[in-house]
Each structure stands twice: as C-alpha cells, then as structure tokens.
Amino acid sequence: MALLLFLIVMAIILIAAAIFSIVQKDLLFAVLGTGVISLILSIFFYILQAPDVAITEAAIGIALTTIIFIITIRNTTRDENKYNDDHINKFKTKKDV
C-alpha cells in the first residue's frame, strides 16, 4: 500500500515536472524540470527491477544532458524575455493570419 502511494505521488510529480518544463519561458528552469523528469524515471526503473537502466538514465538523463544544456544556455545569450507575440507575428505571412 505504501509503495502504491509512493508510485502515485511520483507519477503526479512526473506529470507536473513535464508540464512545468513545457510552459516555462526561462530556459534554465525548463532544463531543470527535465532533470527532475529524468530523476523520477530513474527511480521508476529501479523500482521495476532494472538497475542497469536506472543507472544509465541517471548518468545520461540527469547528469550529462542537463549539464550540456546548462553550459549551452550559459554560453549563449538568454533573450527569451525579449521575444514576445509581436516578434512572432512579424514572421507570419498573410496566408497564416
């Protein structure tokens, strides 16, 4: 019963982290949200008795991918606040509108 409750809570956190990553405008927070998704997935894999897959997901998904994304965001300009709907509408053709 406790394991089932734990799995339900983890699934809710997984869905919330996925939604957070999708709707987040700040790229750094979106990357951290995907890191949380990878962490929860590695816990799920471990509970499903696949420790090799859990270790791989932890090493690649949490550590390597998140670090590469953070380094990339740090080395580029963070202009996500500068782009709004007016900027996007400038590139739409009259056919799209």
Protein backbone atom coordinates (compact mmCIF):
# COMPACT_ATOMS: atom_id res chain seq x y z
CA MET A 1 0.00 0.00 0.00
CA ALA A 2 2.83 2.40 0.84
CA LEU A 3 4.62 1.52 -2.40
CA LEU A 4 1.47 2.21 -4.41
CA LEU A 5 1.03 5.58 -2.71
CA PHE A 6 4.69 6.38 -3.38
CA LEU A 7 4.30 5.49 -7.08
CA ILE A 8 1.18 7.62 -7.41
CA VAL A 9 2.90 10.62 -5.80
CA MET A 10 5.95 10.16 -8.03
CA ALA A 11 3.73 9.92 -11.13
CA ILE A 12 1.98 13.15 -10.17
CA ILE A 13 5.34 14.87 -9.67
CA LEU A 14 6.50 13.49 -13.04
CA ILE A 15 3.47 14.93 -14.84
CA ALA A 16 3.81 18.25 -13.02
CA ALA A 17 7.50 18.49 -13.94
CA ALA A 18 6.69 17.74 -17.57
CA ILE A 19 4.03 20.45 -17.70
CA PHE A 20 6.38 22.84 -15.90
CA SER A 21 9.11 22.19 -18.47
CA ILE A 22 6.76 22.78 -21.37
CA VAL A 23 5.19 26.04 -20.18
CA GLN A 24 8.33 27.56 -18.65
CA LYS A 25 9.67 30.59 -20.51
CA ASP A 26 13.01 30.63 -18.71
CA LEU A 27 15.25 28.08 -20.41
CA LEU A 28 17.26 27.28 -17.30
CA PHE A 29 14.18 26.33 -15.30
CA ALA A 30 12.90 24.24 -18.21
CA VAL A 31 16.17 22.29 -18.27
CA LEU A 32 15.99 21.76 -14.51
CA GLY A 33 12.44 20.45 -14.99
CA THR A 34 13.68 17.89 -17.50
CA GLY A 35 16.36 16.88 -14.99
CA VAL A 36 13.61 16.20 -12.43
CA ILE A 37 11.79 14.11 -15.04
CA SER A 38 14.92 12.01 -15.60
CA LEU A 39 15.41 11.60 -11.85
CA ILE A 40 11.89 10.30 -11.34
CA LEU A 41 12.19 8.00 -14.35
CA SER A 42 15.39 6.51 -12.96
CA ILE A 43 13.60 5.85 -9.65
CA PHE A 44 10.77 4.16 -11.56
CA PHE A 45 13.26 1.98 -13.45
CA TYR A 46 14.91 0.97 -10.17
CA ILE A 47 11.57 0.04 -8.63
CA LEU A 48 10.77 -2.02 -11.73
CA GLN A 49 13.96 -4.00 -11.03
CA ALA A 50 16.00 -2.62 -13.89
CA PRO A 51 19.01 -1.16 -12.04
CA ASP A 52 21.20 -1.02 -15.15
CA VAL A 53 18.63 1.10 -16.98
CA ALA A 54 18.18 3.26 -13.86
CA ILE A 55 21.91 3.93 -13.60
CA THR A 56 22.10 4.75 -17.31
CA GLU A 57 19.12 7.11 -17.06
CA ALA A 58 20.67 8.79 -14.03
CA ALA A 59 24.06 9.17 -15.68
CA ILE A 60 22.85 10.34 -19.09
CA GLY A 61 19.48 11.94 -18.38
CA ILE A 62 20.18 13.70 -15.12
CA ALA A 63 23.89 14.40 -15.25
CA LEU A 64 25.20 14.60 -18.80
CA THR A 65 22.23 16.06 -20.69
CA THR A 66 21.37 18.59 -18.01
CA ILE A 67 24.98 19.75 -17.72
CA ILE A 68 25.34 20.11 -21.50
CA PHE A 69 22.13 22.14 -21.71
CA ILE A 70 23.16 24.38 -18.80
CA ILE A 71 26.59 25.01 -20.33
CA THR A 72 24.96 25.81 -23.67
CA ILE A 73 22.48 28.23 -22.10
CA ARG A 74 25.27 29.88 -20.13
CA ASN A 75 27.44 30.37 -23.24
CA THR A 76 24.67 31.85 -25.35
CA THR A 77 22.61 34.96 -24.81
CA ARG A 78 19.41 34.50 -22.86
CA ASP A 79 16.92 36.50 -24.88
CA GLU A 80 13.76 34.53 -24.15
CA ASN A 81 12.20 37.56 -22.44
CA LYS A 82 12.86 39.76 -25.46
CA TYR A 83 10.73 37.68 -27.82
CA ASN A 84 7.02 38.14 -27.44
CA ASP A 85 3.95 37.73 -29.63
CA ASP A 86 4.76 40.85 -31.66
CA HIS A 87 8.09 39.36 -32.67
CA ILE A 88 6.47 36.09 -33.70
CA ASN A 89 3.69 37.85 -35.63
CA LYS A 90 6.31 39.76 -37.62
CA PHE A 91 7.37 36.50 -39.29
CA LYS A 92 3.88 35.27 -40.11
CA THR A 93 2.74 35.64 -43.67
CA LYS A 94 -0.66 36.99 -44.63
CA LYS A 95 -1.66 33.44 -45.50
CA ASP A 96 -1.00 32.31 -41.87
CA VAL A 97 -3.09 35.10 -40.36
